[in-house]
């Protein structure tokens, strides 16, 4: 953990198949996972701020208005956690 925030793990190929410059992913058990694209080095502090908001959220949902301005249009994928499906009632 750095600066009291969520752990950051470098993954070399996370953005390899996306055409949105640098990409990052956030994921945690029981929460939605997100891939963010269109990232540039000047957004690093905003990405860490988003990561803290994500870590503090119950289900991984950080509303657009709660994200840093530079990341409001950066979500390129949203992936549900398998644990979220276990809580749904199937009729």
PDB file of N, CA and C in Angstrom:
ATOM      1  N   UNK A   1       0.842  -1.178   0.000  1.00  0.00           N
ATOM      2  CA  UNK A   1       0.000   0.000   0.000  1.00  0.00           C
ATOM      3  C   UNK A   1       0.881   1.233   0.000  1.00  0.00           C
ATOM      4  N   UNK A   2       0.480   2.181  -0.785  1.00  0.00           N
ATOM      5  CA  UNK A   2       1.225   3.422  -0.817  1.00  0.00           C
ATOM      6  C   UNK A   2       0.347   4.593  -0.429  1.00  0.00           C
ATOM      7  N   UNK A   3       0.844   5.464   0.365  1.00  0.00           N
ATOM      8  CA  UNK A   3       0.133   6.680   0.745  1.00  0.00           C
ATOM      9  C   UNK A   3      -1.219   6.404   1.385  1.00  0.00           C
ATOM     10  N   UNK A   4      -1.344   5.290   2.090  1.00  0.00           N
ATOM     11  CA  UNK A   4      -2.584   4.976   2.771  1.00  0.00           C
ATOM     12  C   UNK A   4      -3.718   4.590   1.848  1.00  0.00           C
ATOM     13  N   UNK A   5      -3.416   4.251   0.613  1.00  0.00           N
ATOM     14  CA  UNK A   5      -4.448   3.888  -0.348  1.00  0.00           C
ATOM     15  C   UNK A   5      -4.470   2.404  -0.624  1.00  0.00           C
ATOM     16  N   UNK A   6      -5.193   2.025  -1.651  1.00  0.00           N
ATOM     17  CA  UNK A   6      -5.291   0.611  -2.008  1.00  0.00           C
ATOM     18  C   UNK A   6      -3.975   0.105  -2.582  1.00  0.00           C
ATOM     19  N   UNK A   7      -3.751  -1.214  -2.538  1.00  0.00           N
ATOM     20  CA  UNK A   7      -2.523  -1.752  -3.123  1.00  0.00           C
ATOM     21  C   UNK A   7      -2.520  -1.531  -4.635  1.00  0.00           C
ATOM     22  N   UNK A   8      -1.358  -1.257  -5.176  1.00  0.00           N
ATOM     23  CA  UNK A   8      -1.211  -1.050  -6.615  1.00  0.00           C
ATOM     24  C   UNK A   8      -0.300  -2.148  -7.144  1.00  0.00           C
ATOM     25  N   UNK A   9      -0.783  -2.883  -8.142  1.00  0.00           N
ATOM     26  CA  UNK A   9      -0.024  -3.969  -8.732  1.00  0.00           C
ATOM     27  C   UNK A   9       0.148  -3.678 -10.209  1.00  0.00           C
ATOM     28  N   UNK A  10       1.382  -3.639 -10.675  1.00  0.00           N
ATOM     29  CA  UNK A  10       1.651  -3.392 -12.091  1.00  0.00           C
ATOM     30  C   UNK A  10       1.423  -4.675 -12.875  1.00  0.00           C
ATOM     31  N   UNK A  11       0.677  -4.559 -13.971  1.00  0.00           N
ATOM     32  CA  UNK A  11       0.436  -5.672 -14.878  1.00  0.00           C
ATOM     33  C   UNK A  11       0.753  -5.160 -16.268  1.00  0.00           C
ATOM     34  N   UNK A  12       1.808  -5.684 -16.854  1.00  0.00           N
ATOM     35  CA  UNK A  12       2.334  -5.121 -18.094  1.00  0.00           C
ATOM     36  C   UNK A  12       1.335  -5.090 -19.235  1.00  0.00           C
ATOM     37  N   UNK A  13       0.511  -6.110 -19.402  1.00  0.00           N
ATOM     38  CA  UNK A  13      -0.338  -6.199 -20.593  1.00  0.00           C
ATOM     39  C   UNK A  13      -1.802  -5.845 -20.375  1.00  0.00           C
ATOM     40  N   UNK A  14      -2.151  -5.167 -19.295  1.00  0.00           N
ATOM     41  CA  UNK A  14      -3.565  -4.887 -19.030  1.00  0.00           C
ATOM     42  C   UNK A  14      -4.226  -4.108 -20.160  1.00  0.00           C
ATOM     43  N   UNK A  15      -3.508  -3.238 -20.827  1.00  0.00           N
ATOM     44  CA  UNK A  15      -4.094  -2.439 -21.891  1.00  0.00           C
ATOM     45  C   UNK A  15      -3.724  -2.890 -23.290  1.00  0.00           C
ATOM     46  N   UNK A  16      -3.111  -4.024 -23.423  1.00  0.00           N
ATOM     47  CA  UNK A  16      -2.597  -4.485 -24.710  1.00  0.00           C
ATOM     48  C   UNK A  16      -3.665  -4.560 -25.799  1.00  0.00           C
ATOM     49  N   UNK A  17      -4.864  -4.962 -25.450  1.00  0.00           N
ATOM     50  CA  UNK A  17      -5.907  -5.157 -26.449  1.00  0.00           C
ATOM     51  C   UNK A  17      -6.872  -3.987 -26.548  1.00  0.00           C
ATOM     52  N   UNK A  18      -6.539  -2.905 -25.917  1.00  0.00           N
ATOM     53  CA  UNK A  18      -7.380  -1.719 -25.974  1.00  0.00           C
ATOM     54  C   UNK A  18      -6.653  -0.642 -26.753  1.00  0.00           C
ATOM     55  N   UNK A  19      -7.414   0.168 -27.424  1.00  0.00           N
ATOM     56  CA  UNK A  19      -6.828   1.238 -28.220  1.00  0.00           C
ATOM     57  C   UNK A  19      -7.026   2.568 -27.498  1.00  0.00           C
ATOM     58  N   UNK A  20      -6.904   2.567 -26.185  1.00  0.00           N
ATOM     59  CA  UNK A  20      -7.124   3.758 -25.392  1.00  0.00           C
ATOM     60  C   UNK A  20      -5.879   4.143 -24.614  1.00  0.00           C
ATOM     61  N   UNK A  21      -4.749   4.190 -25.256  1.00  0.00           N
ATOM     62  CA  UNK A  21      -3.481   4.545 -24.602  1.00  0.00           C
ATOM     63  C   UNK A  21      -3.248   3.616 -23.426  1.00  0.00           C
ATOM     64  N   UNK A  22      -2.880   4.143 -22.293  1.00  0.00           N
ATOM     65  CA  UNK A  22      -2.643   3.338 -21.096  1.00  0.00           C
ATOM     66  C   UNK A  22      -3.985   2.990 -20.458  1.00  0.00           C
ATOM     67  N   UNK A  23      -4.077   1.785 -19.905  1.00  0.00           N
ATOM     68  CA  UNK A  23      -5.292   1.338 -19.224  1.00  0.00           C
ATOM     69  C   UNK A  23      -4.943   0.875 -17.823  1.00  0.00           C
ATOM     70  N   UNK A  24      -5.941   0.840 -16.956  1.00  0.00           N
ATOM     71  CA  UNK A  24      -5.774   0.331 -15.594  1.00  0.00           C
ATOM     72  C   UNK A  24      -7.036  -0.433 -15.224  1.00  0.00           C
ATOM     73  N   UNK A  25      -6.913  -1.371 -14.308  1.00  0.00           N
ATOM     74  CA  UNK A  25      -8.059  -2.131 -13.832  1.00  0.00           C
ATOM     75  C   UNK A  25      -8.118  -2.042 -12.313  1.00  0.00           C
ATOM     76  N   UNK A  26      -9.341  -2.001 -11.790  1.00  0.00           N
ATOM     77  CA  UNK A  26      -9.550  -2.069 -10.342  1.00  0.00           C
ATOM     78  C   UNK A  26     -10.492  -3.227 -10.070  1.00  0.00           C
ATOM     79  N   UNK A  27     -10.181  -3.989  -9.034  1.00  0.00           N
ATOM     80  CA  UNK A  27     -10.969  -5.179  -8.733  1.00  0.00           C
ATOM     81  C   UNK A  27     -10.795  -5.534  -7.265  1.00  0.00           C
ATOM     82  N   UNK A  28     -11.851  -6.075  -6.682  1.00  0.00           N
ATOM     83  CA  UNK A  28     -11.803  -6.553  -5.299  1.00  0.00           C
ATOM     84  C   UNK A  28     -12.904  -7.594  -5.131  1.00  0.00           C
ATOM     85  N   UNK A  29     -12.706  -8.563  -4.249  1.00  0.00           N
ATOM     86  CA  UNK A  29     -13.730  -9.586  -4.022  1.00  0.00           C
ATOM     87  C   UNK A  29     -15.073  -8.968  -3.640  1.00  0.00           C
ATOM     88  N   UNK A  30     -16.132  -9.451  -4.272  1.00  0.00           N
ATOM     89  CA  UNK A  30     -17.479  -8.982  -3.960  1.00  0.00           C
ATOM     90  C   UNK A  30     -17.846  -7.641  -4.544  1.00  0.00           C
ATOM     91  N   UNK A  31     -16.975  -7.071  -5.387  1.00  0.00           N
ATOM     92  CA  UNK A  31     -17.234  -5.759  -5.979  1.00  0.00           C
ATOM     93  C   UNK A  31     -17.186  -5.849  -7.501  1.00  0.00           C
ATOM     94  N   UNK A  32     -17.834  -4.888  -8.139  1.00  0.00           N
ATOM     95  CA  UNK A  32     -17.691  -4.745  -9.581  1.00  0.00           C
ATOM     96  C   UNK A  32     -16.227  -4.438  -9.891  1.00  0.00           C
ATOM     97  N   UNK A  33     -15.748  -4.929 -11.017  1.00  0.00           N
ATOM     98  CA  UNK A  33     -14.406  -4.595 -11.498  1.00  0.00           C
ATOM     99  C   UNK A  33     -14.550  -3.620 -12.653  1.00  0.00           C
ATOM    100  N   UNK A  34     -13.562  -2.769 -12.825  1.00  0.00           N
ATOM    101  CA  UNK A  34     -13.594  -1.763 -13.884  1.00  0.00           C
ATOM    102  C   UNK A  34     -12.268  -1.714 -14.610  1.00  0.00           C
ATOM    103  N   UNK A  35     -12.328  -1.463 -15.908  1.00  0.00           N
ATOM    104  CA  UNK A  35     -11.145  -1.148 -16.696  1.00  0.00           C
ATOM    105  C   UNK A  35     -11.288   0.302 -17.120  1.00  0.00           C
ATOM    106  N   UNK A  36     -10.257   1.070 -16.848  1.00  0.00           N
ATOM    107  CA  UNK A  36     -10.230   2.486 -17.207  1.00  0.00           C
ATOM    108  C   UNK A  36      -9.217   2.666 -18.327  1.00  0.00           C
ATOM    109  N   UNK A  37      -9.576   3.447 -19.334  1.00  0.00           N
ATOM    110  CA  UNK A  37      -8.682   3.702 -20.454  1.00  0.00           C
ATOM    111  C   UNK A  37      -8.453   5.188 -20.640  1.00  0.00           C
ATOM    112  N   UNK A  38      -7.732   5.526 -21.679  1.00  0.00           N
ATOM    113  CA  UNK A  38      -7.426   6.919 -22.026  1.00  0.00           C
ATOM    114  C   UNK A  38      -6.575   7.588 -20.942  1.00  0.00           C
ATOM    115  N   UNK A  39      -5.756   6.799 -20.241  1.00  0.00           N
ATOM    116  CA  UNK A  39      -4.974   7.335 -19.130  1.00  0.00           C
ATOM    117  C   UNK A  39      -3.635   7.879 -19.618  1.00  0.00           C
ATOM    118  N   UNK A  40      -3.204   8.930 -18.971  1.00  0.00           N
ATOM    119  CA  UNK A  40      -1.907   9.542 -19.246  1.00  0.00           C
ATOM    120  C   UNK A  40      -1.201   9.742 -17.903  1.00  0.00           C
ATOM    121  N   UNK A  41       0.120   9.921 -17.912  1.00  0.00           N
ATOM    122  CA  UNK A  41       0.850  10.064 -16.641  1.00  0.00           C
ATOM    123  C   UNK A  41       0.329  11.180 -15.742  1.00  0.00           C
ATOM    124  N   UNK A  42      -0.214  12.233 -16.322  1.00  0.00           N
ATOM    125  CA  UNK A  42      -0.711  13.334 -15.495  1.00  0.00           C
ATOM    126  C   UNK A  42      -1.991  12.976 -14.743  1.00  0.00           C
ATOM    127  N   UNK A  43      -2.566  11.816 -15.003  1.00  0.00           N
ATOM    128  CA  UNK A  43      -3.777  11.369 -14.297  1.00  0.00           C
ATOM    129  C   UNK A  43      -3.470  10.398 -13.165  1.00  0.00           C
ATOM    130  N   UNK A  44      -2.212  10.153 -12.881  1.00  0.00           N
ATOM    131  CA  UNK A  44      -1.832   9.167 -11.860  1.00  0.00           C
ATOM    132  C   UNK A  44      -2.434   9.489 -10.492  1.00  0.00           C
ATOM    133  N   UNK A  45      -2.350  10.726 -10.054  1.00  0.00           N
ATOM    134  CA  UNK A  45      -2.911  11.098  -8.744  1.00  0.00           C
ATOM    135  C   UNK A  45      -4.424  10.904  -8.737  1.00  0.00           C
ATOM    136  N   UNK A  46      -5.081  11.230  -9.852  1.00  0.00           N
ATOM    137  CA  UNK A  46      -6.532  11.035  -9.941  1.00  0.00           C
ATOM    138  C   UNK A  46      -6.882   9.556  -9.903  1.00  0.00           C
ATOM    139  N   UNK A  47      -6.053   8.717 -10.512  1.00  0.00           N
ATOM    140  CA  UNK A  47      -6.295   7.276 -10.497  1.00  0.00           C
ATOM    141  C   UNK A  47      -6.183   6.731  -9.076  1.00  0.00           C
ATOM    142  N   UNK A  48      -5.217   7.213  -8.318  1.00  0.00           N
ATOM    143  CA  UNK A  48      -5.100   6.793  -6.914  1.00  0.00           C
ATOM    144  C   UNK A  48      -6.294   7.273  -6.088  1.00  0.00           C
ATOM    145  N   UNK A  49      -6.766   8.478  -6.368  1.00  0.00           N
ATOM    146  CA  UNK A  49      -7.963   8.994  -5.679  1.00  0.00           C
ATOM    147  C   UNK A  49      -9.177   8.121  -6.003  1.00  0.00           C
ATOM    148  N   UNK A  50      -9.316   7.751  -7.277  1.00  0.00           N
ATOM    149  CA  UNK A  50     -10.402   6.856  -7.684  1.00  0.00           C
ATOM    150  C   UNK A  50     -10.263   5.509  -6.969  1.00  0.00           C
ATOM    151  N   UNK A  51      -9.041   4.995  -6.887  1.00  0.00           N
ATOM    152  CA  UNK A  51      -8.808   3.720  -6.212  1.00  0.00           C
ATOM    153  C   UNK A  51      -9.219   3.757  -4.749  1.00  0.00           C
ATOM    154  N   UNK A  52      -8.964   4.866  -4.078  1.00  0.00           N
ATOM    155  CA  UNK A  52      -9.384   5.003  -2.677  1.00  0.00           C
ATOM    156  C   UNK A  52     -10.915   5.021  -2.574  1.00  0.00           C
ATOM    157  N   UNK A  53     -11.567   5.738  -3.475  1.00  0.00           N
ATOM    158  CA  UNK A  53     -13.040   5.785  -3.468  1.00  0.00           C
ATOM    159  C   UNK A  53     -13.611   4.400  -3.757  1.00  0.00           C
ATOM    160  N   UNK A  54     -13.001   3.697  -4.693  1.00  0.00           N
ATOM    161  CA  UNK A  54     -13.416   2.327  -5.026  1.00  0.00           C
ATOM    162  C   UNK A  54     -13.261   1.425  -3.794  1.00  0.00           C
ATOM    163  N   UNK A  55     -12.107   1.492  -3.147  1.00  0.00           N
ATOM    164  CA  UNK A  55     -11.847   0.652  -1.974  1.00  0.00           C
ATOM    165  C   UNK A  55     -12.836   0.935  -0.852  1.00  0.00           C
ATOM    166  N   UNK A  56     -13.259   2.180  -0.707  1.00  0.00           N
ATOM    167  CA  UNK A  56     -14.193   2.559   0.351  1.00  0.00           C
ATOM    168  C   UNK A  56     -15.650   2.286   0.011  1.00  0.00           C
ATOM    169  N   UNK A  57     -15.923   1.933  -1.239  1.00  0.00           N
ATOM    170  CA  UNK A  57     -17.309   1.680  -1.645  1.00  0.00           C
ATOM    171  C   UNK A  57     -17.719   0.254  -1.288  1.00  0.00           C
ATOM    172  N   UNK A  58     -19.004   0.057  -1.064  1.00  0.00           N
ATOM    173  CA  UNK A  58     -19.501  -1.262  -0.670  1.00  0.00           C
ATOM    174  C   UNK A  58     -19.432  -2.273  -1.809  1.00  0.00           C
ATOM    175  N   UNK A  59     -19.846  -1.861  -3.011  1.00  0.00           N
ATOM    176  CA  UNK A  59     -19.909  -2.783  -4.147  1.00  0.00           C
ATOM    177  C   UNK A  59     -18.968  -2.403  -5.288  1.00  0.00           C
ATOM    178  N   UNK A  60     -18.092  -1.435  -5.057  1.00  0.00           N
ATOM    179  CA  UNK A  60     -17.158  -1.021  -6.100  1.00  0.00           C
ATOM    180  C   UNK A  60     -17.700   0.053  -7.015  1.00  0.00           C
ATOM    181  N   UNK A  61     -18.838   0.599  -6.685  1.00  0.00           N
ATOM    182  CA  UNK A  61     -19.463   1.598  -7.537  1.00  0.00           C
ATOM    183  C   UNK A  61     -19.042   2.995  -7.083  1.00  0.00           C
ATOM    184  N   UNK A  62     -18.383   3.716  -7.993  1.00  0.00           N
ATOM    185  CA  UNK A  62     -18.013   5.110  -7.762  1.00  0.00           C
ATOM    186  C   UNK A  62     -18.727   5.913  -8.847  1.00  0.00           C
ATOM    187  N   UNK A  63     -19.744   6.641  -8.469  1.00  0.00           N
ATOM    188  CA  UNK A  63     -20.535   7.391  -9.435  1.00  0.00           C
ATOM    189  C   UNK A  63     -19.682   8.377 -10.213  1.00  0.00           C
ATOM    190  N   UNK A  64     -20.091   8.647 -11.441  1.00  0.00           N
ATOM    191  CA  UNK A  64     -19.347   9.565 -12.312  1.00  0.00           C
ATOM    192  C   UNK A  64     -19.077  10.896 -11.619  1.00  0.00           C
ATOM    193  N   UNK A  65     -20.089  11.434 -10.941  1.00  0.00           N
ATOM    194  CA  UNK A  65     -19.922  12.739 -10.283  1.00  0.00           C
ATOM    195  C   UNK A  65     -18.961  12.682  -9.098  1.00  0.00           C
ATOM    196  N   UNK A  66     -18.663  11.461  -8.600  1.00  0.00           N
ATOM    197  CA  UNK A  66     -17.748  11.300  -7.478  1.00  0.00           C
ATOM    198  C   UNK A  66     -16.311  11.010  -7.927  1.00  0.00           C
ATOM    199  N   UNK A  67     -16.126  10.798  -9.246  1.00  0.00           N
ATOM    200  CA  UNK A  67     -14.783  10.542  -9.783  1.00  0.00           C
ATOM    201  C   UNK A  67     -14.073  11.860 -10.048  1.00  0.00           C
ATOM    202  N   UNK A  68     -12.736  11.832 -10.032  1.00  0.00           N
ATOM    203  CA  UNK A  68     -12.002  13.033 -10.444  1.00  0.00           C
ATOM    204  C   UNK A  68     -12.415  13.419 -11.873  1.00  0.00           C
ATOM    205  N   UNK A  69     -12.431  14.705 -12.169  1.00  0.00           N
ATOM    206  CA  UNK A  69     -12.856  15.186 -13.494  1.00  0.00           C
ATOM    207  C   UNK A  69     -12.165  14.457 -14.634  1.00  0.00           C
ATOM    208  N   UNK A  70     -10.878  14.194 -14.499  1.00  0.00           N
ATOM    209  CA  UNK A  70     -10.129  13.590 -15.604  1.00  0.00           C
ATOM    210  C   UNK A  70     -10.516  12.137 -15.857  1.00  0.00           C
ATOM    211  N   UNK A  71     -11.247  11.507 -14.938  1.00  0.00           N
ATOM    212  CA  UNK A  71     -11.625  10.100 -15.088  1.00  0.00           C
ATOM    213  C   UNK A  71     -13.124   9.899 -15.307  1.00  0.00           C
ATOM    214  N   UNK A  72     -13.860  10.953 -15.478  1.00  0.00           N
ATOM    215  CA  UNK A  72     -15.320  10.820 -15.606  1.00  0.00           C
ATOM    216  C   UNK A  72     -15.745  10.067 -16.860  1.00  0.00           C
ATOM    217  N   UNK A  73     -14.920  10.065 -17.888  1.00  0.00           N
ATOM    218  CA  UNK A  73     -15.247   9.353 -19.125  1.00  0.00           C
ATOM    219  C   UNK A  73     -14.231   8.264 -19.436  1.00  0.00           C
ATOM    220  N   UNK A  74     -13.580   7.729 -18.432  1.00  0.00           N
ATOM    221  CA  UNK A  74     -12.496   6.769 -18.645  1.00  0.00           C
ATOM    222  C   UNK A  74     -12.891   5.303 -18.499  1.00  0.00           C
ATOM    223  N   UNK A  75     -14.104   5.006 -18.046  1.00  0.00           N
ATOM    224  CA  UNK A  75     -14.516   3.619 -17.864  1.00  0.00           C
ATOM    225  C   UNK A  75     -14.775   2.998 -19.243  1.00  0.00           C
ATOM    226  N   UNK A  76     -14.021   1.934 -19.564  1.00  0.00           N
ATOM    227  CA  UNK A  76     -14.233   1.258 -20.842  1.00  0.00           C
ATOM    228  C   UNK A  76     -14.865  -0.118 -20.662  1.00  0.00           C
ATOM    229  N   UNK A  77     -14.859  -0.644 -19.428  1.00  0.00           N
ATOM    230  CA  UNK A  77     -15.523  -1.927 -19.163  1.00  0.00           C
ATOM    231  C   UNK A  77     -15.896  -2.012 -17.687  1.00  0.00           C
ATOM    232  N   UNK A  78     -17.030  -2.657 -17.445  1.00  0.00           N
ATOM    233  CA  UNK A  78     -17.512  -2.911 -16.085  1.00  0.00           C
ATOM    234  C   UNK A  78     -17.834  -4.391 -16.010  1.00  0.00           C
ATOM    235  N   UNK A  79     -17.233  -5.097 -15.054  1.00  0.00           N
ATOM    236  CA  UNK A  79     -17.365  -6.550 -14.967  1.00  0.00           C
ATOM    237  C   UNK A  79     -17.915  -6.917 -13.597  1.00  0.00           C
ATOM    238  N   UNK A  80     -19.040  -7.640 -13.557  1.00  0.00           N
ATOM    239  CA  UNK A  80     -19.612  -7.998 -12.258  1.00  0.00           C
ATOM    240  C   UNK A  80     -18.785  -9.070 -11.557  1.00  0.00           C
ATOM    241  N   UNK A  81     -18.794  -9.015 -10.256  1.00  0.00           N
ATOM    242  CA  UNK A  81     -18.133 -10.033  -9.443  1.00  0.00           C
ATOM    243  C   UNK A  81     -19.032 -11.261  -9.359  1.00  0.00           C
ATOM    244  N   UNK A  82     -18.481 -12.453  -9.431  1.00  0.00           N
ATOM    245  CA  UNK A  82     -19.320 -13.653  -9.278  1.00  0.00           C
ATOM    246  C   UNK A  82     -20.110 -13.655  -7.977  1.00  0.00           C
ATOM    247  N   UNK A  83     -19.550 -13.075  -6.904  1.00  0.00           N
ATOM    248  CA  UNK A  83     -20.256 -13.025  -5.629  1.00  0.00           C
ATOM    249  C   UNK A  83     -21.545 -12.212  -5.717  1.00  0.00           C
ATOM    250  N   UNK A  84     -21.582 -11.226  -6.599  1.00  0.00           N
ATOM    251  CA  UNK A  84     -22.794 -10.425  -6.756  1.00  0.00           C
ATOM    252  C   UNK A  84     -23.927 -11.273  -7.333  1.00  0.00           C
ATOM    253  N   UNK A  85     -23.591 -12.208  -8.220  1.00  0.00           N
ATOM    254  CA  UNK A  85     -24.607 -13.079  -8.806  1.00  0.00           C
ATOM    255  C   UNK A  85     -25.157 -14.063  -7.794  1.00  0.00           C
ATOM    256  N   UNK A  86     -24.338 -14.491  -6.852  1.00  0.00           N
ATOM    257  CA  UNK A  86     -24.785 -15.431  -5.827  1.00  0.00           C
ATOM    258  C   UNK A  86     -25.878 -14.826  -4.956  1.00  0.00           C
ATOM    259  N   UNK A  87     -25.918 -13.505  -4.842  1.00  0.00           N
ATOM    260  CA  UNK A  87     -26.899 -12.830  -4.007  1.00  0.00           C
ATOM    261  C   UNK A  87     -28.227 -12.606  -4.735  1.00  0.00           C
ATOM    262  N   UNK A  88     -28.250 -12.789  -6.061  1.00  0.00           N
ATOM    263  CA  UNK A  88     -29.481 -12.590  -6.821  1.00  0.00           C
ATOM    264  C   UNK A  88     -30.408 -13.791  -6.669  1.00  0.00           C
ATOM    265  N   UNK A  89     -31.684 -13.521  -6.596  1.00  0.00           N
ATOM    266  CA  UNK A  89     -32.664 -14.591  -6.562  1.00  0.00           C
ATOM    267  C   UNK A  89     -33.001 -14.993  -7.975  1.00  0.00           C
ATOM    268  N   UNK A  90     -32.997 -16.275  -8.250  1.00  0.00           N
ATOM    269  CA  UNK A  90     -33.320 -16.779  -9.574  1.00  0.00           C
ATOM    270  C   UNK A  90     -34.739 -17.337  -9.522  1.00  0.00           C
ATOM    271  N   UNK A  91     -35.560 -16.846 -10.450  1.00  0.00           N
ATOM    272  CA  UNK A  91     -36.957 -17.300 -10.460  1.00  0.00           C
ATOM    273  C   UNK A  91     -37.134 -18.419 -11.450  1.00  0.00           C
TER     274      UNK A  91
END
